[in-house]
Amino acid sequence: MADLPLGILTATVWTYWFCVGFMIVRIRRKSRKLVGIVPEQALERRMWLVWVPLVVLWATLPWLAQRHATGLLALPEFARGSAVYGGVRLGAALVAVVCLVQTIRCWIRMGSDWRMEASRDNTKLITDGLFSHVRHPIYAFSVLLMLCSALILPSLPMLAVAAVHVLLMNLKARNEERHLLQTHGEDYARYLARTGRFFPRLGR
């Protein structure tokens, strides 16, 4: 019998990265640059060496587990045998879908200003909607989606992928903040002061 949480997770992650691929192709056609393929910054090119295989594993591991993989790639026995944890896994799958929907909202709001990497392109500073309280809502939802992935498939490979992903999201967010501070100056400095990186600032 197919595992429903794994099925939902696989569809969600694949849809997420299909959308990213679609946006990369769309922006490349407009800019005629290797947007989303070859980062401009040396730091981000080094991160890409880890990021690309990480994404492949993220998309592949739930699919393999659903195909009844064995050993480290399989869904652990405690996750299969517990009704309580089964409820947790199903709840995490539903949260994963919400993360995808909210991320799509952010992508739509960014429109042609969306970039996958820090870029010298003259993009607008977006500070409304989901960006009004959090500087990186897309990364925040990505981290939450990854945590949901680790709850749904609590195997050692997925837990390792999740740990590296969270670290990379923090490094990437900090790097983009430095870049945007140079690009937008005081406007971004004021935005930094009133918003949180992944969570809204308390008391604001």
C-alpha atoms as a PDB file:
ATOM      1  CA  MET A   1       0.000   0.000   0.000  1.00  0.00           C
ATOM      2  CA  ALA A   2       1.329   3.458  -0.918  1.00  0.00           C
ATOM      3  CA  ASP A   3       2.417   5.696   1.940  1.00  0.00           C
ATOM      4  CA  LEU A   4       0.228   8.826   1.775  1.00  0.00           C
ATOM      5  CA  PRO A   5       2.557  11.293   3.575  1.00  0.00           C
ATOM      6  CA  LEU A   6       5.475  10.207   1.390  1.00  0.00           C
ATOM      7  CA  GLY A   7       3.322  10.578  -1.707  1.00  0.00           C
ATOM      8  CA  ILE A   8       2.231  14.090  -0.723  1.00  0.00           C
ATOM      9  CA  LEU A   9       5.815  15.061   0.131  1.00  0.00           C
ATOM     10  CA  THR A  10       7.208  13.735  -3.149  1.00  0.00           C
ATOM     11  CA  ALA A  11       4.590  15.614  -5.177  1.00  0.00           C
ATOM     12  CA  THR A  12       5.153  18.794  -3.159  1.00  0.00           C
ATOM     13  CA  VAL A  13       8.950  18.814  -3.459  1.00  0.00           C
ATOM     14  CA  TRP A  14       8.871  17.951  -7.151  1.00  0.00           C
ATOM     15  CA  THR A  15       6.308  20.712  -7.794  1.00  0.00           C
ATOM     16  CA  TYR A  16       8.450  23.175  -5.843  1.00  0.00           C
ATOM     17  CA  TRP A  17      11.541  22.531  -7.950  1.00  0.00           C
ATOM     18  CA  PHE A  18       9.597  22.342 -11.186  1.00  0.00           C
ATOM     19  CA  CYS A  19       8.350  25.874 -10.440  1.00  0.00           C
ATOM     20  CA  VAL A  20      11.913  27.021  -9.716  1.00  0.00           C
ATOM     21  CA  GLY A  21      13.098  25.543 -12.996  1.00  0.00           C
ATOM     22  CA  PHE A  22      10.263  27.242 -14.872  1.00  0.00           C
ATOM     23  CA  MET A  23      11.168  30.631 -13.350  1.00  0.00           C
ATOM     24  CA  ILE A  24      14.856  30.167 -14.201  1.00  0.00           C
ATOM     25  CA  VAL A  25      13.989  29.465 -17.839  1.00  0.00           C
ATOM     26  CA  ARG A  26      11.607  32.444 -17.980  1.00  0.00           C
ATOM     27  CA  ILE A  27      14.129  34.894 -16.554  1.00  0.00           C
ATOM     28  CA  ARG A  28      16.959  33.541 -18.704  1.00  0.00           C
ATOM     29  CA  ARG A  29      14.883  34.219 -21.810  1.00  0.00           C
ATOM     30  CA  LYS A  30      14.352  37.813 -20.729  1.00  0.00           C
ATOM     31  CA  SER A  31      17.865  38.583 -19.516  1.00  0.00           C
ATOM     32  CA  ARG A  32      19.838  36.255 -21.804  1.00  0.00           C
ATOM     33  CA  LYS A  33      22.114  35.487 -18.845  1.00  0.00           C
ATOM     34  CA  LEU A  34      22.852  32.258 -16.975  1.00  0.00           C
ATOM     35  CA  VAL A  35      20.436  33.317 -14.219  1.00  0.00           C
ATOM     36  CA  GLY A  36      19.955  30.551 -11.660  1.00  0.00           C
ATOM     37  CA  ILE A  37      22.584  28.358 -13.331  1.00  0.00           C
ATOM     38  CA  VAL A  38      25.947  30.003 -12.645  1.00  0.00           C
ATOM     39  CA  PRO A  39      25.924  32.364  -9.625  1.00  0.00           C
ATOM     40  CA  GLU A  40      27.820  35.621 -10.040  1.00  0.00           C
ATOM     41  CA  GLN A  41      29.489  35.502  -6.615  1.00  0.00           C
ATOM     42  CA  ALA A  42      32.350  33.094  -5.883  1.00  0.00           C
ATOM     43  CA  LEU A  43      30.825  32.334  -2.464  1.00  0.00           C
ATOM     44  CA  GLU A  44      27.509  31.314  -4.007  1.00  0.00           C
ATOM     45  CA  ARG A  45      29.281  29.225  -6.665  1.00  0.00           C
ATOM     46  CA  ARG A  46      30.920  27.282  -3.827  1.00  0.00           C
ATOM     47  CA  MET A  47      27.562  26.892  -2.100  1.00  0.00           C
ATOM     48  CA  TRP A  48      26.098  25.626  -5.392  1.00  0.00           C
ATOM     49  CA  LEU A  49      28.512  22.663  -5.276  1.00  0.00           C
ATOM     50  CA  VAL A  50      26.673  21.510  -2.163  1.00  0.00           C
ATOM     51  CA  TRP A  51      23.244  22.903  -3.040  1.00  0.00           C
ATOM     52  CA  VAL A  52      22.701  21.050  -6.330  1.00  0.00           C
ATOM     53  CA  PRO A  53      23.294  17.493  -4.988  1.00  0.00           C
ATOM     54  CA  LEU A  54      21.324  18.462  -1.878  1.00  0.00           C
ATOM     55  CA  VAL A  55      18.269  19.318  -3.988  1.00  0.00           C
ATOM     56  CA  VAL A  56      18.647  16.067  -5.941  1.00  0.00           C
ATOM     57  CA  LEU A  57      18.683  14.095  -2.694  1.00  0.00           C
ATOM     58  CA  TRP A  58      15.742  16.063  -1.289  1.00  0.00           C
ATOM     59  CA  ALA A  59      13.650  15.202  -4.343  1.00  0.00           C
ATOM     60  CA  THR A  60      14.873  11.604  -4.604  1.00  0.00           C
ATOM     61  CA  LEU A  61      14.879  10.257  -1.046  1.00  0.00           C
ATOM     62  CA  PRO A  62      11.077  10.433  -0.449  1.00  0.00           C
ATOM     63  CA  TRP A  63      10.473   8.875  -3.864  1.00  0.00           C
ATOM     64  CA  LEU A  64      12.883   6.022  -3.129  1.00  0.00           C
ATOM     65  CA  ALA A  65      11.335   5.412   0.292  1.00  0.00           C
ATOM     66  CA  GLN A  66       7.915   5.290  -1.316  1.00  0.00           C
ATOM     67  CA  ARG A  67       9.276   2.667  -3.714  1.00  0.00           C
ATOM     68  CA  HIS A  68       9.974   0.450  -0.676  1.00  0.00           C
ATOM     69  CA  ALA A  69      13.709   1.028  -0.574  1.00  0.00           C
ATOM     70  CA  THR A  70      15.634  -0.970   2.013  1.00  0.00           C
ATOM     71  CA  GLY A  71      18.300  -0.131   4.541  1.00  0.00           C
ATOM     72  CA  LEU A  72      19.084   3.531   5.247  1.00  0.00           C
ATOM     73  CA  LEU A  73      16.864   4.694   2.367  1.00  0.00           C
ATOM     74  CA  ALA A  74      13.729   3.041   3.748  1.00  0.00           C
ATOM     75  CA  LEU A  75      11.102   4.590   6.003  1.00  0.00           C
ATOM     76  CA  PRO A  76      12.220   3.610   9.535  1.00  0.00           C
ATOM     77  CA  GLU A  77      10.186   0.972  11.321  1.00  0.00           C
ATOM     78  CA  PHE A  78       9.101   3.299  14.149  1.00  0.00           C
ATOM     79  CA  ALA A  79       7.611   5.687  11.579  1.00  0.00           C
ATOM     80  CA  ARG A  80       5.648   2.851   9.936  1.00  0.00           C
ATOM     81  CA  GLY A  81       4.432   1.160  13.064  1.00  0.00           C
ATOM     82  CA  SER A  82       3.194   4.047  15.245  1.00  0.00           C
ATOM     83  CA  ALA A  83      -0.326   5.394  14.769  1.00  0.00           C
ATOM     84  CA  VAL A  84       0.586   8.551  16.712  1.00  0.00           C
ATOM     85  CA  TYR A  85       3.645   9.225  14.595  1.00  0.00           C
ATOM     86  CA  GLY A  86       1.583   8.417  11.528  1.00  0.00           C
ATOM     87  CA  GLY A  87      -0.667  11.333  12.478  1.00  0.00           C
ATOM     88  CA  VAL A  88       2.393  13.561  12.922  1.00  0.00           C
ATOM     89  CA  ARG A  89       3.646  12.560   9.464  1.00  0.00           C
ATOM     90  CA  LEU A  90       0.286  13.308   7.842  1.00  0.00           C
ATOM     91  CA  GLY A  91       0.131  16.684   9.588  1.00  0.00           C
ATOM     92  CA  ALA A  92       3.661  17.459   8.382  1.00  0.00           C
ATOM     93  CA  ALA A  93       2.611  16.563   4.816  1.00  0.00           C
ATOM     94  CA  LEU A  94      -0.259  19.039   4.986  1.00  0.00           C
ATOM     95  CA  VAL A  95       2.057  21.744   6.366  1.00  0.00           C
ATOM     96  CA  ALA A  96       4.439  21.003   3.485  1.00  0.00           C
ATOM     97  CA  VAL A  97       1.643  21.744   1.006  1.00  0.00           C
ATOM     98  CA  VAL A  98       0.911  25.032   2.812  1.00  0.00           C
ATOM     99  CA  CYS A  99       4.623  25.923   2.550  1.00  0.00           C
ATOM    100  CA  LEU A 100       4.471  25.351  -1.210  1.00  0.00           C
ATOM    101  CA  VAL A 101       1.343  27.480  -1.597  1.00  0.00           C
ATOM    102  CA  GLN A 102       2.807  30.343   0.454  1.00  0.00           C
ATOM    103  CA  THR A 103       6.083  30.149  -1.454  1.00  0.00           C
ATOM    104  CA  ILE A 104       4.195  30.423  -4.743  1.00  0.00           C
ATOM    105  CA  ARG A 105       2.529  33.560  -3.354  1.00  0.00           C
ATOM    106  CA  CYS A 106       5.992  35.017  -2.706  1.00  0.00           C
ATOM    107  CA  TRP A 107       7.197  34.078  -6.188  1.00  0.00           C
ATOM    108  CA  ILE A 108       4.156  35.710  -7.762  1.00  0.00           C
ATOM    109  CA  ARG A 109       4.719  38.869  -5.723  1.00  0.00           C
ATOM    110  CA  MET A 110       8.366  39.031  -6.773  1.00  0.00           C
ATOM    111  CA  GLY A 111       7.539  38.426 -10.434  1.00  0.00           C
ATOM    112  CA  SER A 112      10.428  39.332 -12.722  1.00  0.00           C
ATOM    113  CA  ASP A 113      12.453  40.543  -9.691  1.00  0.00           C
ATOM    114  CA  TRP A 114      12.861  36.948  -8.456  1.00  0.00           C
ATOM    115  CA  ARG A 115      16.428  35.674  -8.502  1.00  0.00           C
ATOM    116  CA  MET A 116      17.865  32.460  -7.149  1.00  0.00           C
ATOM    117  CA  GLU A 117      21.200  34.084  -6.359  1.00  0.00           C
ATOM    118  CA  ALA A 118      22.628  37.453  -5.366  1.00  0.00           C
ATOM    119  CA  SER A 119      22.712  39.351  -8.656  1.00  0.00           C
ATOM    120  CA  ARG A 120      23.939  42.684  -9.962  1.00  0.00           C
ATOM    121  CA  ASP A 121      20.645  43.038 -11.849  1.00  0.00           C
ATOM    122  CA  ASN A 122      18.725  46.146 -10.803  1.00  0.00           C
ATOM    123  CA  THR A 123      15.850  44.433  -8.990  1.00  0.00           C
ATOM    124  CA  LYS A 124      13.286  46.174  -6.810  1.00  0.00           C
ATOM    125  CA  LEU A 125      13.323  46.049  -3.019  1.00  0.00           C
ATOM    126  CA  ILE A 126      10.091  44.271  -2.063  1.00  0.00           C
ATOM    127  CA  THR A 127       8.885  45.052   1.462  1.00  0.00           C
ATOM    128  CA  ASP A 128       5.133  44.410   1.380  1.00  0.00           C
ATOM    129  CA  GLY A 129       2.943  41.337   1.751  1.00  0.00           C
ATOM    130  CA  LEU A 130       4.755  38.402   3.340  1.00  0.00           C
ATOM    131  CA  PHE A 131       7.978  40.434   3.051  1.00  0.00           C
ATOM    132  CA  SER A 132       6.680  43.163   5.362  1.00  0.00           C
ATOM    133  CA  HIS A 133       7.689  41.327   8.565  1.00  0.00           C
ATOM    134  CA  VAL A 134      10.193  38.714   7.332  1.00  0.00           C
ATOM    135  CA  ARG A 135      13.128  39.416   5.019  1.00  0.00           C
ATOM    136  CA  HIS A 136      13.325  35.897   3.623  1.00  0.00           C
ATOM    137  CA  PRO A 137       9.859  34.302   3.657  1.00  0.00           C
ATOM    138  CA  ILE A 138      10.796  31.991   0.763  1.00  0.00           C
ATOM    139  CA  TYR A 139      13.776  30.653   2.704  1.00  0.00           C
ATOM    140  CA  ALA A 140      11.689  30.421   5.872  1.00  0.00           C
ATOM    141  CA  PHE A 141       9.096  28.285   4.072  1.00  0.00           C
ATOM    142  CA  SER A 142      11.901  26.257   2.482  1.00  0.00           C
ATOM    143  CA  VAL A 143      13.351  25.478   5.918  1.00  0.00           C
ATOM    144  CA  LEU A 144       9.894  24.549   7.229  1.00  0.00           C
ATOM    145  CA  LEU A 145       9.286  22.359   4.190  1.00  0.00           C
ATOM    146  CA  MET A 146      12.595  20.617   4.820  1.00  0.00           C
ATOM    147  CA  LEU A 147      11.740  20.072   8.491  1.00  0.00           C
ATOM    148  CA  CYS A 148       8.435  18.563   7.372  1.00  0.00           C
ATOM    149  CA  SER A 149      10.407  16.328   5.012  1.00  0.00           C
ATOM    150  CA  ALA A 150      12.544  15.110   7.909  1.00  0.00           C
ATOM    151  CA  LEU A 151       9.441  14.392  10.011  1.00  0.00           C
ATOM    152  CA  ILE A 152       7.769  12.480   7.193  1.00  0.00           C
ATOM    153  CA  LEU A 153      10.938  10.533   6.330  1.00  0.00           C
ATOM    154  CA  PRO A 154      13.070  10.443   9.505  1.00  0.00           C
ATOM    155  CA  SER A 155      15.874   8.412   7.912  1.00  0.00           C
ATOM    156  CA  LEU A 156      19.529   9.219   8.507  1.00  0.00           C
ATOM    157  CA  PRO A 157      20.123  10.450   4.926  1.00  0.00           C
ATOM    158  CA  MET A 158      17.121  12.799   5.073  1.00  0.00           C
ATOM    159  CA  LEU A 159      18.118  14.091   8.503  1.00  0.00           C
ATOM    160  CA  ALA A 160      21.610  14.811   7.151  1.00  0.00           C
ATOM    161  CA  VAL A 161      20.132  16.601   4.124  1.00  0.00           C
ATOM    162  CA  ALA A 162      17.902  18.655   6.439  1.00  0.00           C
ATOM    163  CA  ALA A 163      20.823  19.715   8.645  1.00  0.00           C
ATOM    164  CA  VAL A 164      22.920  20.864   5.671  1.00  0.00           C
ATOM    165  CA  HIS A 165      19.896  22.607   4.115  1.00  0.00           C
ATOM    166  CA  VAL A 166      19.202  24.679   7.243  1.00  0.00           C
ATOM    167  CA  LEU A 167      22.866  25.681   7.430  1.00  0.00           C
ATOM    168  CA  LEU A 168      22.927  26.683   3.750  1.00  0.00           C
ATOM    169  CA  MET A 169      19.727  28.729   4.062  1.00  0.00           C
ATOM    170  CA  ASN A 170      21.274  30.711   6.901  1.00  0.00           C
ATOM    171  CA  LEU A 171      24.502  31.302   4.983  1.00  0.00           C
ATOM    172  CA  LYS A 172      22.630  32.288   1.833  1.00  0.00           C
ATOM    173  CA  ALA A 173      20.270  34.648   3.661  1.00  0.00           C
ATOM    174  CA  ARG A 174      23.181  36.430   5.379  1.00  0.00           C
ATOM    175  CA  ASN A 175      25.059  36.739   2.089  1.00  0.00           C
ATOM    176  CA  GLU A 176      22.018  38.201   0.324  1.00  0.00           C
ATOM    177  CA  GLU A 177      21.534  40.698   3.130  1.00  0.00           C
ATOM    178  CA  ARG A 178      25.105  41.944   2.698  1.00  0.00           C
ATOM    179  CA  HIS A 179      24.554  42.186  -1.056  1.00  0.00           C
ATOM    180  CA  LEU A 180      21.228  44.027  -0.760  1.00  0.00           C
ATOM    181  CA  LEU A 181      22.656  46.412   1.816  1.00  0.00           C
ATOM    182  CA  GLN A 182      25.300  47.407  -0.725  1.00  0.00           C
ATOM    183  CA  THR A 183      22.725  47.601  -3.526  1.00  0.00           C
ATOM    184  CA  HIS A 184      19.886  49.465  -1.785  1.00  0.00           C
ATOM    185  CA  GLY A 185      21.759  51.310   0.964  1.00  0.00           C
ATOM    186  CA  GLU A 186      19.702  53.116   3.596  1.00  0.00           C
ATOM    187  CA  ASP A 187      16.377  51.760   2.321  1.00  0.00           C
ATOM    188  CA  TYR A 188      17.528  48.220   3.024  1.00  0.00           C
ATOM    189  CA  ALA A 189      19.172  49.237   6.308  1.00  0.00           C
ATOM    190  CA  ARG A 190      15.803  50.525   7.556  1.00  0.00           C
ATOM    191  CA  TYR A 191      14.144  47.340   6.309  1.00  0.00           C
ATOM    192  CA  LEU A 192      16.741  45.260   8.183  1.00  0.00           C
ATOM    193  CA  ALA A 193      16.029  47.166  11.374  1.00  0.00           C
ATOM    194  CA  ARG A 194      12.308  46.453  11.393  1.00  0.00           C
ATOM    195  CA  THR A 195      12.148  42.865  10.097  1.00  0.00           C
ATOM    196  CA  GLY A 196      13.367  39.445  11.151  1.00  0.00           C
ATOM    197  CA  ARG A 197      15.373  37.086   8.969  1.00  0.00           C
ATOM    198  CA  PHE A 198      13.031  34.092   9.122  1.00  0.00           C
ATOM    199  CA  PHE A 199      10.599  35.129  11.858  1.00  0.00           C
ATOM    200  CA  PRO A 200       8.869  38.478  12.558  1.00  0.00           C
ATOM    201  CA  ARG A 201      10.593  40.624  15.180  1.00  0.00           C
ATOM    202  CA  LEU A 202       8.873  40.436  18.543  1.00  0.00           C
ATOM    203  CA  GLY A 203       7.223  43.633  19.704  1.00  0.00           C
ATOM    204  CA  ARG A 204       6.860  45.046  16.182  1.00  0.00           C
END
